[in-house]
């Protein structure tokens, strides 16, 4: 496996873990108080905007 492929895999893994962590933080902020509710919205929008798009199912099938 060449270094470029390995680098991309590691980068994707980091982004996935960061998104999971940010989702947890959003839930905690919503529970905290009204003051932090706005911060929770901002973080949730950031996560949604930067979410990795899924491939359409039609492209997932292997062609024979």
N, C-alpha and C. Protein backbone atom coordinates (compact mmCIF):
# COMPACT_ATOMS: atom_id res chain seq x y z
N UNK A 1 0.85 -1.18 0.00
CA UNK A 1 0.00 0.00 0.00
C UNK A 1 0.90 1.24 0.00
N UNK A 2 0.67 2.11 -0.93
CA UNK A 2 1.56 3.27 -1.00
C UNK A 2 1.13 4.34 0.02
N UNK A 3 2.03 5.28 0.27
CA UNK A 3 1.83 6.26 1.35
C UNK A 3 0.62 7.16 1.13
N UNK A 4 0.34 7.50 -0.12
CA UNK A 4 -0.78 8.40 -0.39
C UNK A 4 -2.10 7.76 0.01
N UNK A 5 -2.27 6.48 -0.30
CA UNK A 5 -3.51 5.77 0.05
C UNK A 5 -3.63 5.67 1.57
N UNK A 6 -2.53 5.33 2.21
CA UNK A 6 -2.52 5.23 3.67
C UNK A 6 -2.88 6.56 4.31
N UNK A 7 -2.33 7.64 3.78
CA UNK A 7 -2.62 8.98 4.30
C UNK A 7 -4.11 9.30 4.18
N UNK A 8 -4.72 8.95 3.04
CA UNK A 8 -6.15 9.24 2.86
C UNK A 8 -6.99 8.43 3.82
N UNK A 9 -6.65 7.18 4.04
CA UNK A 9 -7.40 6.36 5.00
C UNK A 9 -7.33 6.96 6.40
N UNK A 10 -6.14 7.36 6.80
CA UNK A 10 -5.97 7.94 8.14
C UNK A 10 -6.74 9.26 8.26
N UNK A 11 -6.73 10.06 7.20
CA UNK A 11 -7.44 11.34 7.22
C UNK A 11 -8.95 11.11 7.36
N UNK A 12 -9.48 10.14 6.60
CA UNK A 12 -10.91 9.83 6.68
C UNK A 12 -11.29 9.36 8.08
N UNK A 13 -10.42 8.53 8.67
CA UNK A 13 -10.70 8.01 10.01
C UNK A 13 -10.73 9.15 11.03
N UNK A 14 -9.80 10.10 10.92
CA UNK A 14 -9.77 11.25 11.83
C UNK A 14 -11.03 12.09 11.69
N UNK A 15 -11.45 12.33 10.43
CA UNK A 15 -12.65 13.13 10.20
C UNK A 15 -13.88 12.44 10.78
N UNK A 16 -13.96 11.13 10.61
CA UNK A 16 -15.09 10.36 11.13
C UNK A 16 -15.14 10.46 12.65
N UNK A 17 -13.99 10.29 13.30
CA UNK A 17 -13.93 10.37 14.76
C UNK A 17 -14.27 11.77 15.26
N UNK A 18 -13.82 12.79 14.54
CA UNK A 18 -14.11 14.17 14.94
C UNK A 18 -15.62 14.44 14.84
N UNK A 19 -16.25 13.94 13.78
CA UNK A 19 -17.68 14.14 13.62
C UNK A 19 -18.44 13.47 14.76
N UNK A 20 -18.03 12.27 15.13
CA UNK A 20 -18.68 11.57 16.25
C UNK A 20 -18.55 12.37 17.54
N UNK A 21 -17.35 12.87 17.79
CA UNK A 21 -17.11 13.65 19.01
C UNK A 21 -17.95 14.92 19.02
N UNK A 22 -18.02 15.61 17.88
CA UNK A 22 -18.80 16.84 17.80
C UNK A 22 -20.28 16.58 18.01
N UNK A 23 -20.79 15.44 17.55
CA UNK A 23 -22.20 15.12 17.77
C UNK A 23 -22.48 14.93 19.25
N UNK A 24 -21.53 14.31 19.97
CA UNK A 24 -21.69 14.13 21.42
C UNK A 24 -21.68 15.48 22.13
N UNK A 25 -20.77 16.35 21.71
CA UNK A 25 -20.66 17.68 22.31
C UNK A 25 -21.96 18.45 22.10
N UNK A 26 -22.55 18.32 20.90
CA UNK A 26 -23.80 19.02 20.60
C UNK A 26 -24.89 18.59 21.56
N UNK A 27 -25.01 17.30 21.80
CA UNK A 27 -26.03 16.79 22.74
C UNK A 27 -25.80 17.35 24.14
N UNK A 28 -24.55 17.38 24.57
CA UNK A 28 -24.24 17.88 25.91
C UNK A 28 -24.55 19.36 26.03
N UNK A 29 -24.25 20.12 24.99
CA UNK A 29 -24.53 21.56 25.03
C UNK A 29 -26.02 21.84 25.07
N UNK A 30 -26.81 21.06 24.35
CA UNK A 30 -28.25 21.26 24.36
C UNK A 30 -28.82 21.04 25.76
N UNK A 31 -28.25 20.09 26.48
CA UNK A 31 -28.74 19.79 27.83
C UNK A 31 -28.28 20.84 28.85
N UNK A 32 -27.18 21.53 28.56
CA UNK A 32 -26.56 22.42 29.54
C UNK A 32 -27.45 23.61 29.92
N UNK A 33 -27.75 24.47 28.97
CA UNK A 33 -28.56 25.65 29.27
C UNK A 33 -28.95 26.34 27.97
N UNK A 34 -29.80 27.36 28.10
CA UNK A 34 -30.21 28.11 26.91
C UNK A 34 -29.03 28.88 26.32
N UNK A 35 -28.11 29.29 27.16
CA UNK A 35 -26.94 30.01 26.70
C UNK A 35 -26.14 29.16 25.72
N UNK A 36 -26.00 27.88 26.01
CA UNK A 36 -25.20 26.99 25.19
C UNK A 36 -26.00 26.39 24.03
N UNK A 37 -27.30 26.57 24.02
CA UNK A 37 -28.13 26.00 22.96
C UNK A 37 -27.74 26.56 21.60
N UNK A 38 -27.41 27.85 21.55
CA UNK A 38 -26.99 28.45 20.29
C UNK A 38 -25.67 27.85 19.81
N UNK A 39 -24.76 27.60 20.74
CA UNK A 39 -23.49 26.96 20.38
C UNK A 39 -23.75 25.57 19.84
N UNK A 40 -24.72 24.86 20.41
CA UNK A 40 -25.06 23.53 19.95
C UNK A 40 -25.56 23.56 18.51
N UNK A 41 -26.36 24.58 18.19
CA UNK A 41 -26.86 24.73 16.81
C UNK A 41 -25.71 24.96 15.84
N UNK A 42 -24.78 25.81 16.23
CA UNK A 42 -23.63 26.13 15.37
C UNK A 42 -22.80 24.87 15.10
N UNK A 43 -22.53 24.10 16.14
CA UNK A 43 -21.74 22.88 15.98
C UNK A 43 -22.49 21.86 15.13
N UNK A 44 -23.79 21.73 15.35
CA UNK A 44 -24.60 20.78 14.58
C UNK A 44 -24.61 21.15 13.10
N UNK A 45 -24.74 22.44 12.80
CA UNK A 45 -24.70 22.89 11.41
C UNK A 45 -23.34 22.61 10.77
N UNK A 46 -22.27 22.81 11.53
CA UNK A 46 -20.92 22.54 11.03
C UNK A 46 -20.77 21.07 10.66
N UNK A 47 -21.24 20.19 11.55
CA UNK A 47 -21.13 18.76 11.30
C UNK A 47 -21.95 18.36 10.09
N UNK A 48 -23.16 18.90 9.99
CA UNK A 48 -24.04 18.56 8.86
C UNK A 48 -23.45 19.04 7.54
N UNK A 49 -22.89 20.24 7.54
CA UNK A 49 -22.34 20.81 6.32
C UNK A 49 -21.12 20.03 5.83
N UNK A 50 -20.30 19.54 6.76
CA UNK A 50 -19.06 18.86 6.40
C UNK A 50 -19.20 17.34 6.38
N UNK A 51 -20.42 16.86 6.46
CA UNK A 51 -20.63 15.42 6.47
C UNK A 51 -20.24 14.83 5.12
N UNK A 52 -19.69 13.63 5.16
CA UNK A 52 -19.30 12.96 3.92
C UNK A 52 -20.55 12.45 3.23
N UNK A 53 -20.66 12.74 1.95
CA UNK A 53 -21.83 12.33 1.19
C UNK A 53 -21.72 10.84 0.85
N UNK A 54 -22.85 10.13 0.97
CA UNK A 54 -22.86 8.70 0.63
C UNK A 54 -23.04 8.53 -0.87
N UNK A 55 -22.46 7.46 -1.37
CA UNK A 55 -22.62 7.15 -2.79
C UNK A 55 -24.01 6.63 -3.04
N UNK A 56 -24.56 6.90 -4.21
CA UNK A 56 -25.88 6.34 -4.53
C UNK A 56 -25.80 4.81 -4.61
N UNK A 57 -26.88 4.16 -4.23
CA UNK A 57 -26.88 2.70 -4.21
C UNK A 57 -26.65 2.10 -5.58
N UNK A 58 -27.06 2.79 -6.62
CA UNK A 58 -26.89 2.27 -7.98
C UNK A 58 -25.40 2.10 -8.32
N UNK A 59 -24.53 2.87 -7.68
CA UNK A 59 -23.09 2.75 -7.95
C UNK A 59 -22.43 1.69 -7.09
N UNK A 60 -23.14 1.18 -6.09
CA UNK A 60 -22.54 0.20 -5.19
C UNK A 60 -22.55 -1.22 -5.76
N UNK A 61 -23.40 -1.47 -6.74
CA UNK A 61 -23.48 -2.82 -7.29
C UNK A 61 -22.31 -3.09 -8.22
N UNK A 62 -21.77 -4.31 -8.10
CA UNK A 62 -20.68 -4.70 -8.99
C UNK A 62 -21.25 -5.11 -10.33
N UNK A 63 -20.61 -4.69 -11.38
CA UNK A 63 -21.07 -5.01 -12.71
C UNK A 63 -20.36 -6.27 -13.20
N UNK A 64 -21.15 -7.19 -13.77
CA UNK A 64 -20.58 -8.45 -14.21
C UNK A 64 -20.05 -8.36 -15.63
